[in-house]
Amino acid sequence: MKDVYKMTVRFDLTDARERYLAEYMQTLDVKKYQSRNQFVLDAIADYVDLQSITREQHDEDIRSIIREEMQACFAEANFTPQPMTNAPALTAEQQKEAEQDIMDDLKLFD
């Protein structure tokens, strides 16, 4: 077993958080997590993975969730476009400005 790195973990039972963690480890279902060692390794790996997520990735995940929820809401609402009556026709310049406004608004979700 030369390729094994061993480490000891101590819990300060006078510290409420560490006492809680020690008690949790004692009651850990080793059948579910294979072993206490595997549980600790998985917990460390998850923590390291979370630390490596950048702010931009986190923000993009939030944007993606919002987009999906909005699409689902609109799909459920079953909007049907209503024909506009007596709507004044937009000039080419007004149409271009309206389209640019929409594109600017959509950039808020990026």
C-alpha atoms as a PDB file:
ATOM      1  CA  MET A   1       0.000   0.000   0.000  1.00  0.00           C
ATOM      2  CA  LYS A   2       2.741   2.453  -0.907  1.00  0.00           C
ATOM      3  CA  ASP A   3       0.377   4.486  -3.060  1.00  0.00           C
ATOM      4  CA  VAL A   4      -1.922   5.418  -0.185  1.00  0.00           C
ATOM      5  CA  TYR A   5      -1.932   8.795   1.526  1.00  0.00           C
ATOM      6  CA  LYS A   6      -3.253   8.579   5.066  1.00  0.00           C
ATOM      7  CA  MET A   7      -4.629  11.428   7.115  1.00  0.00           C
ATOM      8  CA  THR A   8      -6.235  11.676  10.532  1.00  0.00           C
ATOM      9  CA  VAL A   9      -9.228  13.906  11.185  1.00  0.00           C
ATOM     10  CA  ARG A  10      -9.844  15.212  14.693  1.00  0.00           C
ATOM     11  CA  PHE A  11     -13.134  16.615  15.956  1.00  0.00           C
ATOM     12  CA  ASP A  12     -13.184  19.102  18.839  1.00  0.00           C
ATOM     13  CA  LEU A  13     -16.235  17.969  20.786  1.00  0.00           C
ATOM     14  CA  THR A  14     -16.358  21.274  22.692  1.00  0.00           C
ATOM     15  CA  ASP A  15     -17.126  23.052  19.395  1.00  0.00           C
ATOM     16  CA  ALA A  16     -20.833  22.674  18.530  1.00  0.00           C
ATOM     17  CA  ARG A  17     -20.296  22.406  14.771  1.00  0.00           C
ATOM     18  CA  GLU A  18     -17.482  19.877  15.031  1.00  0.00           C
ATOM     19  CA  ARG A  19     -19.437  17.856  17.605  1.00  0.00           C
ATOM     20  CA  TYR A  20     -22.416  17.772  15.220  1.00  0.00           C
ATOM     21  CA  LEU A  21     -20.151  16.600  12.379  1.00  0.00           C
ATOM     22  CA  ALA A  22     -18.563  13.921  14.569  1.00  0.00           C
ATOM     23  CA  GLU A  23     -21.990  12.639  15.587  1.00  0.00           C
ATOM     24  CA  TYR A  24     -23.092  12.660  11.954  1.00  0.00           C
ATOM     25  CA  MET A  25     -20.048  10.625  10.934  1.00  0.00           C
ATOM     26  CA  GLN A  26     -20.764   8.089  13.694  1.00  0.00           C
ATOM     27  CA  THR A  27     -24.316   7.555  12.440  1.00  0.00           C
ATOM     28  CA  LEU A  28     -23.388   7.537   8.740  1.00  0.00           C
ATOM     29  CA  ASP A  29     -25.026   4.726   6.799  1.00  0.00           C
ATOM     30  CA  VAL A  30     -21.908   3.010   5.433  1.00  0.00           C
ATOM     31  CA  LYS A  31     -24.024   0.756   3.232  1.00  0.00           C
ATOM     32  CA  LYS A  32     -25.348   3.832   1.451  1.00  0.00           C
ATOM     33  CA  TYR A  33     -21.969   5.592   1.126  1.00  0.00           C
ATOM     34  CA  GLN A  34     -19.754   2.475   0.828  1.00  0.00           C
ATOM     35  CA  SER A  35     -17.567   3.657   3.718  1.00  0.00           C
ATOM     36  CA  ARG A  36     -16.847   6.677   5.887  1.00  0.00           C
ATOM     37  CA  ASN A  37     -13.654   7.128   3.928  1.00  0.00           C
ATOM     38  CA  GLN A  38     -15.565   7.247   0.631  1.00  0.00           C
ATOM     39  CA  PHE A  39     -18.047   9.715   2.123  1.00  0.00           C
ATOM     40  CA  VAL A  40     -15.204  12.051   3.162  1.00  0.00           C
ATOM     41  CA  LEU A  41     -13.537  11.750  -0.252  1.00  0.00           C
ATOM     42  CA  ASP A  42     -16.826  12.528  -2.027  1.00  0.00           C
ATOM     43  CA  ALA A  43     -17.466  15.492   0.283  1.00  0.00           C
ATOM     44  CA  ILE A  44     -14.003  16.929  -0.383  1.00  0.00           C
ATOM     45  CA  ALA A  45     -14.376  16.412  -4.137  1.00  0.00           C
ATOM     46  CA  ASP A  46     -17.786  18.122  -4.159  1.00  0.00           C
ATOM     47  CA  TYR A  47     -16.388  21.055  -2.175  1.00  0.00           C
ATOM     48  CA  VAL A  48     -13.417  21.454  -4.532  1.00  0.00           C
ATOM     49  CA  ASP A  49     -15.708  21.243  -7.565  1.00  0.00           C
ATOM     50  CA  LEU A  50     -17.987  23.941  -6.138  1.00  0.00           C
ATOM     51  CA  GLN A  51     -15.013  26.198  -5.481  1.00  0.00           C
ATOM     52  CA  SER A  52     -13.899  25.897  -9.104  1.00  0.00           C
ATOM     53  CA  ILE A  53     -17.201  27.189 -10.500  1.00  0.00           C
ATOM     54  CA  THR A  54     -16.656  30.729 -11.667  1.00  0.00           C
ATOM     55  CA  ARG A  55     -19.039  33.598 -11.059  1.00  0.00           C
ATOM     56  CA  GLU A  56     -19.764  33.688 -14.808  1.00  0.00           C
ATOM     57  CA  GLN A  57     -20.711  29.994 -14.846  1.00  0.00           C
ATOM     58  CA  HIS A  58     -22.938  30.509 -11.831  1.00  0.00           C
ATOM     59  CA  ASP A  59     -24.622  33.524 -13.454  1.00  0.00           C
ATOM     60  CA  GLU A  60     -25.132  31.597 -16.698  1.00  0.00           C
ATOM     61  CA  ASP A  61     -26.759  28.719 -14.781  1.00  0.00           C
ATOM     62  CA  ILE A  62     -29.179  31.203 -13.197  1.00  0.00           C
ATOM     63  CA  ARG A  63     -29.975  32.778 -16.584  1.00  0.00           C
ATOM     64  CA  SER A  64     -30.590  29.362 -18.080  1.00  0.00           C
ATOM     65  CA  ILE A  65     -33.005  28.430 -15.297  1.00  0.00           C
ATOM     66  CA  ILE A  66     -34.877  31.725 -15.709  1.00  0.00           C
ATOM     67  CA  ARG A  67     -35.149  31.224 -19.488  1.00  0.00           C
ATOM     68  CA  GLU A  68     -36.460  27.679 -19.060  1.00  0.00           C
ATOM     69  CA  GLU A  69     -39.033  28.779 -16.488  1.00  0.00           C
ATOM     70  CA  MET A  70     -40.199  31.696 -18.637  1.00  0.00           C
ATOM     71  CA  GLN A  71     -40.560  29.419 -21.663  1.00  0.00           C
ATOM     72  CA  ALA A  72     -42.562  26.944 -19.603  1.00  0.00           C
ATOM     73  CA  CYS A  73     -44.821  29.725 -18.297  1.00  0.00           C
ATOM     74  CA  PHE A  74     -45.448  31.092 -21.774  1.00  0.00           C
ATOM     75  CA  ALA A  75     -46.120  27.610 -23.113  1.00  0.00           C
ATOM     76  CA  GLU A  76     -48.642  26.955 -20.346  1.00  0.00           C
ATOM     77  CA  ALA A  77     -50.308  30.339 -20.834  1.00  0.00           C
ATOM     78  CA  ASN A  78     -51.069  29.368 -24.428  1.00  0.00           C
ATOM     79  CA  PHE A  79     -50.845  32.871 -25.786  1.00  0.00           C
ATOM     80  CA  THR A  80     -52.420  33.417 -29.164  1.00  0.00           C
ATOM     81  CA  PRO A  81     -51.565  36.614 -30.972  1.00  0.00           C
ATOM     82  CA  GLN A  82     -54.464  38.953 -31.413  1.00  0.00           C
ATOM     83  CA  PRO A  83     -54.693  40.945 -34.617  1.00  0.00           C
ATOM     84  CA  MET A  84     -54.071  44.612 -34.043  1.00  0.00           C
ATOM     85  CA  THR A  85     -56.909  46.813 -35.157  1.00  0.00           C
ATOM     86  CA  ASN A  86     -56.403  50.381 -36.173  1.00  0.00           C
ATOM     87  CA  ALA A  87     -52.732  50.202 -35.266  1.00  0.00           C
ATOM     88  CA  PRO A  88     -50.729  52.920 -36.951  1.00  0.00           C
ATOM     89  CA  ALA A  89     -48.072  51.611 -39.309  1.00  0.00           C
ATOM     90  CA  LEU A  90     -44.526  52.159 -38.141  1.00  0.00           C
ATOM     91  CA  THR A  91     -42.057  53.932 -40.329  1.00  0.00           C
ATOM     92  CA  ALA A  92     -38.955  51.974 -41.284  1.00  0.00           C
ATOM     93  CA  GLU A  93     -36.983  54.005 -38.745  1.00  0.00           C
ATOM     94  CA  GLN A  94     -39.505  53.312 -35.972  1.00  0.00           C
ATOM     95  CA  GLN A  95     -39.531  49.605 -36.847  1.00  0.00           C
ATOM     96  CA  LYS A  96     -35.729  49.468 -36.704  1.00  0.00           C
ATOM     97  CA  GLU A  97     -35.737  51.304 -33.350  1.00  0.00           C
ATOM     98  CA  ALA A  98     -38.361  48.918 -31.930  1.00  0.00           C
ATOM     99  CA  GLU A  99     -36.333  45.897 -33.023  1.00  0.00           C
ATOM    100  CA  GLN A 100     -33.197  47.373 -31.446  1.00  0.00           C
ATOM    101  CA  ASP A 101     -35.089  47.976 -28.192  1.00  0.00           C
ATOM    102  CA  ILE A 102     -36.138  44.330 -28.138  1.00  0.00           C
ATOM    103  CA  MET A 103     -32.570  43.161 -28.780  1.00  0.00           C
ATOM    104  CA  ASP A 104     -31.295  45.452 -26.000  1.00  0.00           C
ATOM    105  CA  ASP A 105     -33.875  44.016 -23.617  1.00  0.00           C
ATOM    106  CA  LEU A 106     -32.842  40.466 -24.502  1.00  0.00           C
ATOM    107  CA  LYS A 107     -29.212  41.296 -23.743  1.00  0.00           C
ATOM    108  CA  LEU A 108     -30.241  41.755 -20.119  1.00  0.00           C
ATOM    109  CA  PHE A 109     -30.588  37.961 -19.948  1.00  0.00           C
ATOM    110  CA  ASP A 110     -27.009  37.339 -21.126  1.00  0.00           C
END
